[in-house]
mmCIF file of all heavy atoms, coordinates in Angstrom:
data_MODEL
# 
_entry.id   MODEL 
# 
loop_
_atom_site.group_PDB 
_atom_site.id 
_atom_site.type_symbol 
_atom_site.label_atom_id 
_atom_site.label_alt_id 
_atom_site.label_comp_id 
_atom_site.label_asym_id 
_atom_site.label_entity_id 
_atom_site.label_seq_id 
_atom_site.pdbx_PDB_ins_code 
_atom_site.Cartn_x 
_atom_site.Cartn_y 
_atom_site.Cartn_z 
_atom_site.occupancy 
_atom_site.B_iso_or_equiv 
_atom_site.pdbx_formal_charge 
_atom_site.auth_seq_id 
_atom_site.auth_comp_id 
_atom_site.auth_asym_id 
_atom_site.auth_atom_id 
_atom_site.pdbx_PDB_model_num 
ATOM 1   N N   . GLN A 1 1  ? 13.706  2.668  -11.880 1.00 0.00 ? 1  GLN A N   1 
ATOM 2   C CA  . GLN A 1 1  ? 13.844  1.952  -10.565 1.00 0.00 ? 1  GLN A CA  1 
ATOM 3   C C   . GLN A 1 1  ? 13.190  2.694  -9.441  1.00 0.00 ? 1  GLN A C   1 
ATOM 4   O O   . GLN A 1 1  ? 12.399  2.094  -8.534  1.00 0.00 ? 1  GLN A O   1 
ATOM 5   C CB  . GLN A 1 1  ? 15.302  1.760  -10.273 1.00 0.00 ? 1  GLN A CB  1 
ATOM 6   C CG  . GLN A 1 1  ? 15.653  0.788  -9.132  1.00 0.00 ? 1  GLN A CG  1 
ATOM 7   C CD  . GLN A 1 1  ? 15.664  -0.631 -9.627  1.00 0.00 ? 1  GLN A CD  1 
ATOM 8   O OE1 . GLN A 1 1  ? 15.764  -0.921 -10.770 1.00 0.00 ? 1  GLN A OE1 1 
ATOM 9   N NE2 . GLN A 1 1  ? 15.572  -1.578 -8.671  1.00 0.00 ? 1  GLN A NE2 1 
ATOM 10  N N   . GLN A 1 2  ? 13.307  3.972  -9.303  1.00 0.00 ? 2  GLN A N   1 
ATOM 11  C CA  . GLN A 1 2  ? 12.715  4.754  -8.356  1.00 0.00 ? 2  GLN A CA  1 
ATOM 12  C C   . GLN A 1 2  ? 11.202  4.723  -8.355  1.00 0.00 ? 2  GLN A C   1 
ATOM 13  O O   . GLN A 1 2  ? 10.503  4.575  -7.379  1.00 0.00 ? 2  GLN A O   1 
ATOM 14  C CB  . GLN A 1 2  ? 13.259  6.225  -8.321  1.00 0.00 ? 2  GLN A CB  1 
ATOM 15  C CG  . GLN A 1 2  ? 14.670  6.439  -8.034  1.00 0.00 ? 2  GLN A CG  1 
ATOM 16  C CD  . GLN A 1 2  ? 15.079  7.847  -8.211  1.00 0.00 ? 2  GLN A CD  1 
ATOM 17  O OE1 . GLN A 1 2  ? 14.306  8.755  -8.325  1.00 0.00 ? 2  GLN A OE1 1 
ATOM 18  N NE2 . GLN A 1 2  ? 16.396  8.058  -8.348  1.00 0.00 ? 2  GLN A NE2 1 
ATOM 19  N N   . HIS A 1 3  ? 10.654  4.803  -9.590  1.00 0.00 ? 3  HIS A N   1 
ATOM 20  C CA  . HIS A 1 3  ? 9.162   4.811  -9.721  1.00 0.00 ? 3  HIS A CA  1 
ATOM 21  C C   . HIS A 1 3  ? 8.695   3.402  -9.312  1.00 0.00 ? 3  HIS A C   1 
ATOM 22  O O   . HIS A 1 3  ? 7.615   3.302  -8.740  1.00 0.00 ? 3  HIS A O   1 
ATOM 23  C CB  . HIS A 1 3  ? 8.738   5.142  -11.085 1.00 0.00 ? 3  HIS A CB  1 
ATOM 24  C CG  . HIS A 1 3  ? 8.942   6.552  -11.533 1.00 0.00 ? 3  HIS A CG  1 
ATOM 25  N ND1 . HIS A 1 3  ? 9.195   7.034  -12.803 1.00 0.00 ? 3  HIS A ND1 1 
ATOM 26  C CD2 . HIS A 1 3  ? 8.873   7.697  -10.757 1.00 0.00 ? 3  HIS A CD2 1 
ATOM 27  C CE1 . HIS A 1 3  ? 9.297   8.353  -12.779 1.00 0.00 ? 3  HIS A CE1 1 
ATOM 28  N NE2 . HIS A 1 3  ? 9.068   8.701  -11.543 1.00 0.00 ? 3  HIS A NE2 1 
ATOM 29  N N   . GLY A 1 4  ? 9.378   2.406  -9.717  1.00 0.00 ? 4  GLY A N   1 
ATOM 30  C CA  . GLY A 1 4  ? 9.038   0.942  -9.360  1.00 0.00 ? 4  GLY A CA  1 
ATOM 31  C C   . GLY A 1 4  ? 9.009   0.843  -7.886  1.00 0.00 ? 4  GLY A C   1 
ATOM 32  O O   . GLY A 1 4  ? 8.053   0.231  -7.292  1.00 0.00 ? 4  GLY A O   1 
ATOM 33  N N   . GLU A 1 5  ? 10.084  1.315  -7.218  1.00 0.00 ? 5  GLU A N   1 
ATOM 34  C CA  . GLU A 1 5  ? 10.146  1.136  -5.771  1.00 0.00 ? 5  GLU A CA  1 
ATOM 35  C C   . GLU A 1 5  ? 8.993   1.971  -5.008  1.00 0.00 ? 5  GLU A C   1 
ATOM 36  O O   . GLU A 1 5  ? 8.398   1.427  -4.129  1.00 0.00 ? 5  GLU A O   1 
ATOM 37  C CB  . GLU A 1 5  ? 11.508  1.629  -5.255  1.00 0.00 ? 5  GLU A CB  1 
ATOM 38  C CG  . GLU A 1 5  ? 12.701  0.801  -5.703  1.00 0.00 ? 5  GLU A CG  1 
ATOM 39  C CD  . GLU A 1 5  ? 14.022  1.283  -5.369  1.00 0.00 ? 5  GLU A CD  1 
ATOM 40  O OE1 . GLU A 1 5  ? 13.965  2.415  -4.994  1.00 0.00 ? 5  GLU A OE1 1 
ATOM 41  O OE2 . GLU A 1 5  ? 15.080  0.601  -5.569  1.00 0.00 ? 5  GLU A OE2 1 
ATOM 42  N N   . ALA A 1 6  ? 8.773   3.083  -5.611  1.00 0.00 ? 6  ALA A N   1 
ATOM 43  C CA  . ALA A 1 6  ? 7.633   3.971  -4.984  1.00 0.00 ? 6  ALA A CA  1 
ATOM 44  C C   . ALA A 1 6  ? 6.290   3.194  -5.143  1.00 0.00 ? 6  ALA A C   1 
ATOM 45  O O   . ALA A 1 6  ? 5.437   3.194  -4.247  1.00 0.00 ? 6  ALA A O   1 
ATOM 46  C CB  . ALA A 1 6  ? 7.576   5.280  -5.651  1.00 0.00 ? 6  ALA A CB  1 
ATOM 47  N N   . ALA A 1 7  ? 6.072   2.601  -6.250  1.00 0.00 ? 7  ALA A N   1 
ATOM 48  C CA  . ALA A 1 7  ? 4.863   1.819  -6.651  1.00 0.00 ? 7  ALA A CA  1 
ATOM 49  C C   . ALA A 1 7  ? 4.702   0.635  -5.637  1.00 0.00 ? 7  ALA A C   1 
ATOM 50  O O   . ALA A 1 7  ? 3.665   0.311  -5.128  1.00 0.00 ? 7  ALA A O   1 
ATOM 51  C CB  . ALA A 1 7  ? 4.745   1.394  -8.132  1.00 0.00 ? 7  ALA A CB  1 
ATOM 52  N N   . VAL A 1 8  ? 5.790   -0.100 -5.489  1.00 0.00 ? 8  VAL A N   1 
ATOM 53  C CA  . VAL A 1 8  ? 5.811   -1.263 -4.568  1.00 0.00 ? 8  VAL A CA  1 
ATOM 54  C C   . VAL A 1 8  ? 5.473   -0.833 -3.167  1.00 0.00 ? 8  VAL A C   1 
ATOM 55  O O   . VAL A 1 8  ? 4.726   -1.493 -2.394  1.00 0.00 ? 8  VAL A O   1 
ATOM 56  C CB  . VAL A 1 8  ? 7.127   -2.030 -4.680  1.00 0.00 ? 8  VAL A CB  1 
ATOM 57  C CG1 . VAL A 1 8  ? 7.305   -2.983 -3.482  1.00 0.00 ? 8  VAL A CG1 1 
ATOM 58  C CG2 . VAL A 1 8  ? 7.299   -2.743 -5.984  1.00 0.00 ? 8  VAL A CG2 1 
ATOM 59  N N   . GLU A 1 9  ? 6.115   0.310  -2.707  1.00 0.00 ? 9  GLU A N   1 
ATOM 60  C CA  . GLU A 1 9  ? 5.853   0.765  -1.332  1.00 0.00 ? 9  GLU A CA  1 
ATOM 61  C C   . GLU A 1 9  ? 4.427   1.189  -1.175  1.00 0.00 ? 9  GLU A C   1 
ATOM 62  O O   . GLU A 1 9  ? 3.705   0.945  -0.114  1.00 0.00 ? 9  GLU A O   1 
ATOM 63  C CB  . GLU A 1 9  ? 6.783   1.996  -1.058  1.00 0.00 ? 9  GLU A CB  1 
ATOM 64  C CG  . GLU A 1 9  ? 6.567   2.443  0.355   1.00 0.00 ? 9  GLU A CG  1 
ATOM 65  C CD  . GLU A 1 9  ? 7.481   3.663  0.652   1.00 0.00 ? 9  GLU A CD  1 
ATOM 66  O OE1 . GLU A 1 9  ? 8.283   4.112  -0.335  1.00 0.00 ? 9  GLU A OE1 1 
ATOM 67  O OE2 . GLU A 1 9  ? 7.503   4.227  1.753   1.00 0.00 ? 9  GLU A OE2 1 
ATOM 68  N N   . SER A 1 10 ? 3.862   1.772  -2.233  1.00 0.00 ? 10 SER A N   1 
ATOM 69  C CA  . SER A 1 10 ? 2.416   2.255  -2.121  1.00 0.00 ? 10 SER A CA  1 
ATOM 70  C C   . SER A 1 10 ? 1.588   1.049  -2.029  1.00 0.00 ? 10 SER A C   1 
ATOM 71  O O   . SER A 1 10 ? 0.596   0.968  -1.310  1.00 0.00 ? 10 SER A O   1 
ATOM 72  C CB  . SER A 1 10 ? 2.059   3.072  -3.418  1.00 0.00 ? 10 SER A CB  1 
ATOM 73  O OG  . SER A 1 10 ? 0.673   3.406  -3.409  1.00 0.00 ? 10 SER A OG  1 
ATOM 74  N N   . VAL A 1 11 ? 1.771   -0.027 -2.930  1.00 0.00 ? 11 VAL A N   1 
ATOM 75  C CA  . VAL A 1 11 ? 1.004   -1.237 -2.913  1.00 0.00 ? 11 VAL A CA  1 
ATOM 76  C C   . VAL A 1 11 ? 1.128   -1.931 -1.460  1.00 0.00 ? 11 VAL A C   1 
ATOM 77  O O   . VAL A 1 11 ? 0.206   -2.458 -0.922  1.00 0.00 ? 11 VAL A O   1 
ATOM 78  C CB  . VAL A 1 11 ? 1.345   -2.177 -4.044  1.00 0.00 ? 11 VAL A CB  1 
ATOM 79  C CG1 . VAL A 1 11 ? 0.710   -3.444 -3.880  1.00 0.00 ? 11 VAL A CG1 1 
ATOM 80  C CG2 . VAL A 1 11 ? 0.930   -1.514 -5.295  1.00 0.00 ? 11 VAL A CG2 1 
ATOM 81  N N   . GLY A 1 12 ? 2.330   -1.921 -0.914  1.00 0.00 ? 12 GLY A N   1 
ATOM 82  C CA  . GLY A 1 12 ? 2.565   -2.532 0.425   1.00 0.00 ? 12 GLY A CA  1 
ATOM 83  C C   . GLY A 1 12 ? 1.726   -1.786 1.409   1.00 0.00 ? 12 GLY A C   1 
ATOM 84  O O   . GLY A 1 12 ? 1.081   -2.523 2.281   1.00 0.00 ? 12 GLY A O   1 
ATOM 85  N N   . ASN A 1 13 ? 1.658   -0.566 1.422   1.00 0.00 ? 13 ASN A N   1 
ATOM 86  C CA  . ASN A 1 13 ? 0.775   0.242  2.274   1.00 0.00 ? 13 ASN A CA  1 
ATOM 87  C C   . ASN A 1 13 ? -0.637  0.004  2.133   1.00 0.00 ? 13 ASN A C   1 
ATOM 88  O O   . ASN A 1 13 ? -1.422  -0.056 2.963   1.00 0.00 ? 13 ASN A O   1 
ATOM 89  C CB  . ASN A 1 13 ? 1.178   1.776  2.198   1.00 0.00 ? 13 ASN A CB  1 
ATOM 90  C CG  . ASN A 1 13 ? 2.570   2.108  2.679   1.00 0.00 ? 13 ASN A CG  1 
ATOM 91  O OD1 . ASN A 1 13 ? 3.134   1.436  3.457   1.00 0.00 ? 13 ASN A OD1 1 
ATOM 92  N ND2 . ASN A 1 13 ? 3.043   3.194  2.113   1.00 0.00 ? 13 ASN A ND2 1 
ATOM 93  N N   . LEU A 1 14 ? -1.029  -0.068 0.743   1.00 0.00 ? 14 LEU A N   1 
ATOM 94  C CA  . LEU A 1 14 ? -2.406  -0.358 0.406   1.00 0.00 ? 14 LEU A CA  1 
ATOM 95  C C   . LEU A 1 14 ? -2.833  -1.782 0.980   1.00 0.00 ? 14 LEU A C   1 
ATOM 96  O O   . LEU A 1 14 ? -4.021  -1.897 1.467   1.00 0.00 ? 14 LEU A O   1 
ATOM 97  C CB  . LEU A 1 14 ? -2.538  -0.378 -1.091  1.00 0.00 ? 14 LEU A CB  1 
ATOM 98  C CG  . LEU A 1 14 ? -3.994  -0.689 -1.651  1.00 0.00 ? 14 LEU A CG  1 
ATOM 99  C CD1 . LEU A 1 14 ? -4.905  0.397  -1.026  1.00 0.00 ? 14 LEU A CD1 1 
ATOM 100 C CD2 . LEU A 1 14 ? -3.987  -0.564 -3.176  1.00 0.00 ? 14 LEU A CD2 1 
ATOM 101 N N   . LYS A 1 15 ? -1.986  -2.767 0.951   1.00 0.00 ? 15 LYS A N   1 
ATOM 102 C CA  . LYS A 1 15 ? -2.339  -4.084 1.484   1.00 0.00 ? 15 LYS A CA  1 
ATOM 103 C C   . LYS A 1 15 ? -2.572  -4.043 2.976   1.00 0.00 ? 15 LYS A C   1 
ATOM 104 O O   . LYS A 1 15 ? -3.414  -4.604 3.497   1.00 0.00 ? 15 LYS A O   1 
ATOM 105 C CB  . LYS A 1 15 ? -1.189  -5.088 1.324   1.00 0.00 ? 15 LYS A CB  1 
ATOM 106 C CG  . LYS A 1 15 ? -1.122  -5.443 -0.241  1.00 0.00 ? 15 LYS A CG  1 
ATOM 107 C CD  . LYS A 1 15 ? 0.142   -6.356 -0.478  1.00 0.00 ? 15 LYS A CD  1 
ATOM 108 C CE  . LYS A 1 15 ? 0.012   -7.715 0.095   1.00 0.00 ? 15 LYS A CE  1 
ATOM 109 N NZ  . LYS A 1 15 ? 1.185   -8.534 -0.276  1.00 0.00 ? 15 LYS A NZ  1 
ATOM 110 N N   . LYS A 1 16 ? -1.868  -3.102 3.656   1.00 0.00 ? 16 LYS A N   1 
ATOM 111 C CA  . LYS A 1 16 ? -2.075  -2.954 5.096   1.00 0.00 ? 16 LYS A CA  1 
ATOM 112 C C   . LYS A 1 16 ? -3.500  -2.287 5.397   1.00 0.00 ? 16 LYS A C   1 
ATOM 113 O O   . LYS A 1 16 ? -4.169  -2.627 6.255   1.00 0.00 ? 16 LYS A O   1 
ATOM 114 C CB  . LYS A 1 16 ? -1.000  -2.046 5.687   1.00 0.00 ? 16 LYS A CB  1 
ATOM 115 C CG  . LYS A 1 16 ? 0.437   -2.717 5.669   1.00 0.00 ? 16 LYS A CG  1 
ATOM 116 C CD  . LYS A 1 16 ? 1.484   -1.752 6.266   1.00 0.00 ? 16 LYS A CD  1 
ATOM 117 C CE  . LYS A 1 16 ? 2.817   -2.346 6.175   1.00 0.00 ? 16 LYS A CE  1 
ATOM 118 N NZ  . LYS A 1 16 ? 3.940   -1.405 6.646   1.00 0.00 ? 16 LYS A NZ  1 
ATOM 119 N N   . VAL A 1 17 ? -3.760  -1.236 4.455   1.00 0.00 ? 17 VAL A N   1 
ATOM 120 C CA  . VAL A 1 17 ? -5.097  -0.634 4.665   1.00 0.00 ? 17 VAL A CA  1 
ATOM 121 C C   . VAL A 1 17 ? -6.175  -1.639 4.366   1.00 0.00 ? 17 VAL A C   1 
ATOM 122 O O   . VAL A 1 17 ? -7.205  -1.649 5.016   1.00 0.00 ? 17 VAL A O   1 
ATOM 123 C CB  . VAL A 1 17 ? -5.189  0.543  3.552   1.00 0.00 ? 17 VAL A CB  1 
ATOM 124 C CG1 . VAL A 1 17 ? -6.592  1.137  3.577   1.00 0.00 ? 17 VAL A CG1 1 
ATOM 125 C CG2 . VAL A 1 17 ? -4.185  1.627  3.961   1.00 0.00 ? 17 VAL A CG2 1 
ATOM 126 N N   . MET A 1 18 ? -6.047  -2.536 3.440   1.00 0.00 ? 18 MET A N   1 
ATOM 127 C CA  . MET A 1 18 ? -6.999  -3.590 3.085   1.00 0.00 ? 18 MET A CA  1 
ATOM 128 C C   . MET A 1 18 ? -7.381  -4.411 4.259   1.00 0.00 ? 18 MET A C   1 
ATOM 129 O O   . MET A 1 18 ? -8.471  -4.947 4.379   1.00 0.00 ? 18 MET A O   1 
ATOM 130 C CB  . MET A 1 18 ? -6.634  -4.376 1.889   1.00 0.00 ? 18 MET A CB  1 
ATOM 131 C CG  . MET A 1 18 ? -6.584  -3.495 0.514   1.00 0.00 ? 18 MET A CG  1 
ATOM 132 S SD  . MET A 1 18 ? -5.902  -4.469 -0.805  1.00 0.00 ? 18 MET A SD  1 
ATOM 133 C CE  . MET A 1 18 ? -7.147  -5.699 -1.042  1.00 0.00 ? 18 MET A CE  1 
ATOM 134 N N   . LYS A 1 19 ? -6.436  -4.578 5.086   1.00 0.00 ? 19 LYS A N   1 
ATOM 135 C CA  . LYS A 1 19 ? -6.566  -5.444 6.263   1.00 0.00 ? 19 LYS A CA  1 
ATOM 136 C C   . LYS A 1 19 ? -7.386  -4.819 7.459   1.00 0.00 ? 19 LYS A C   1 
ATOM 137 O O   . LYS A 1 19 ? -7.756  -5.464 8.377   1.00 0.00 ? 19 LYS A O   1 
ATOM 138 C CB  . LYS A 1 19 ? -5.248  -6.005 6.777   1.00 0.00 ? 19 LYS A CB  1 
ATOM 139 C CG  . LYS A 1 19 ? -4.590  -6.936 5.792   1.00 0.00 ? 19 LYS A CG  1 
ATOM 140 C CD  . LYS A 1 19 ? -3.158  -7.334 6.326   1.00 0.00 ? 19 LYS A CD  1 
ATOM 141 C CE  . LYS A 1 19 ? -2.353  -8.205 5.342   1.00 0.00 ? 19 LYS A CE  1 
ATOM 142 N NZ  . LYS A 1 19 ? -1.081  -8.558 5.833   1.00 0.00 ? 19 LYS A NZ  1 
ATOM 143 N N   . LEU A 1 20 ? -7.528  -3.478 7.334   1.00 0.00 ? 20 LEU A N   1 
ATOM 144 C CA  . LEU A 1 20 ? -8.211  -2.762 8.428   1.00 0.00 ? 20 LEU A CA  1 
ATOM 145 C C   . LEU A 1 20 ? -9.670  -3.132 8.452   1.00 0.00 ? 20 LEU A C   1 
ATOM 146 O O   . LEU A 1 20 ? -10.330 -3.248 7.418   1.00 0.00 ? 20 LEU A O   1 
ATOM 147 C CB  . LEU A 1 20 ? -8.002  -1.227 8.274   1.00 0.00 ? 20 LEU A CB  1 
ATOM 148 C CG  . LEU A 1 20 ? -6.540  -0.731 8.411   1.00 0.00 ? 20 LEU A CG  1 
ATOM 149 C CD1 . LEU A 1 20 ? -6.588  0.715  8.047   1.00 0.00 ? 20 LEU A CD1 1 
ATOM 150 C CD2 . LEU A 1 20 ? -5.926  -1.080 9.733   1.00 0.00 ? 20 LEU A CD2 1 
ATOM 151 N N   . SER A 1 21 ? -10.172 -3.354 9.667   1.00 0.00 ? 21 SER A N   1 
ATOM 152 C CA  . SER A 1 21 ? -11.646 -3.662 9.714   1.00 0.00 ? 21 SER A CA  1 
ATOM 153 C C   . SER A 1 21 ? -12.474 -2.386 9.695   1.00 0.00 ? 21 SER A C   1 
ATOM 154 O O   . SER A 1 21 ? -13.677 -2.426 9.359   1.00 0.00 ? 21 SER A O   1 
ATOM 155 C CB  . SER A 1 21 ? -11.891 -4.419 11.057  1.00 0.00 ? 21 SER A CB  1 
ATOM 156 O OG  . SER A 1 21 ? -11.480 -3.601 12.195  1.00 0.00 ? 21 SER A OG  1 
ATOM 157 N N   . ASP A 1 22 ? -11.934 -1.231 10.142  1.00 0.00 ? 22 ASP A N   1 
ATOM 158 C CA  . ASP A 1 22 ? -12.699 -0.021 10.126  1.00 0.00 ? 22 ASP A CA  1 
ATOM 159 C C   . ASP A 1 22 ? -12.724 0.561  8.699   1.00 0.00 ? 22 ASP A C   1 
ATOM 160 O O   . ASP A 1 22 ? -11.781 0.997  8.118   1.00 0.00 ? 22 ASP A O   1 
ATOM 161 C CB  . ASP A 1 22 ? -11.969 0.973  10.959  1.00 0.00 ? 22 ASP A CB  1 
ATOM 162 C CG  . ASP A 1 22 ? -12.864 2.356  11.284  1.00 0.00 ? 22 ASP A CG  1 
ATOM 163 O OD1 . ASP A 1 22 ? -13.886 2.402  10.622  1.00 0.00 ? 22 ASP A OD1 1 
ATOM 164 O OD2 . ASP A 1 22 ? -12.485 3.099  12.124  1.00 0.00 ? 22 ASP A OD2 1 
ATOM 165 N N   . LYS A 1 23 ? -13.917 0.648  8.176   1.00 0.00 ? 23 LYS A N   1 
ATOM 166 C CA  . LYS A 1 23 ? -14.223 1.096  6.788   1.00 0.00 ? 23 LYS A CA  1 
ATOM 167 C C   . LYS A 1 23 ? -13.779 2.566  6.626   1.00 0.00 ? 23 LYS A C   1 
ATOM 168 O O   . LYS A 1 23 ? -13.230 2.952  5.465   1.00 0.00 ? 23 LYS A O   1 
ATOM 169 C CB  . LYS A 1 23 ? -15.639 0.951  6.328   1.00 0.00 ? 23 LYS A CB  1 
ATOM 170 C CG  . LYS A 1 23 ? -15.799 1.259  4.904   1.00 0.00 ? 23 LYS A CG  1 
ATOM 171 C CD  . LYS A 1 23 ? -17.252 1.008  4.546   1.00 0.00 ? 23 LYS A CD  1 
ATOM 172 C CE  . LYS A 1 23 ? -17.472 1.295  2.997   1.00 0.00 ? 23 LYS A CE  1 
ATOM 173 N NZ  . LYS A 1 23 ? -18.877 1.033  2.579   1.00 0.00 ? 23 LYS A NZ  1 
ATOM 174 N N   . ASP A 1 24 ? -13.880 3.364  7.671   1.00 0.00 ? 24 ASP A N   1 
ATOM 175 C CA  . ASP A 1 24 ? -13.565 4.798  7.587   1.00 0.00 ? 24 ASP A CA  1 
ATOM 176 C C   . ASP A 1 24 ? -12.118 4.932  7.349   1.00 0.00 ? 24 ASP A C   1 
ATOM 177 O O   . ASP A 1 24 ? -11.669 5.982  6.679   1.00 0.00 ? 24 ASP A O   1 
ATOM 178 C CB  . ASP A 1 24 ? -13.985 5.510  8.762   1.00 0.00 ? 24 ASP A CB  1 
ATOM 179 C CG  . ASP A 1 24 ? -15.550 5.615  9.007   1.00 0.00 ? 24 ASP A CG  1 
ATOM 180 O OD1 . ASP A 1 24 ? -16.251 5.520  7.935   1.00 0.00 ? 24 ASP A OD1 1 
ATOM 181 O OD2 . ASP A 1 24 ? -15.996 5.817  10.058  1.00 0.00 ? 24 ASP A OD2 1 
# 
C-alpha cells in the first residue's frame, strides 16, 4: 500500500511537471 501511494504521488508530481512550459 505504501509503495502504491508513493508511486501515485510521484506520478501526480510528474503530471504537474509535464504541464510546465519551461523545458529546463
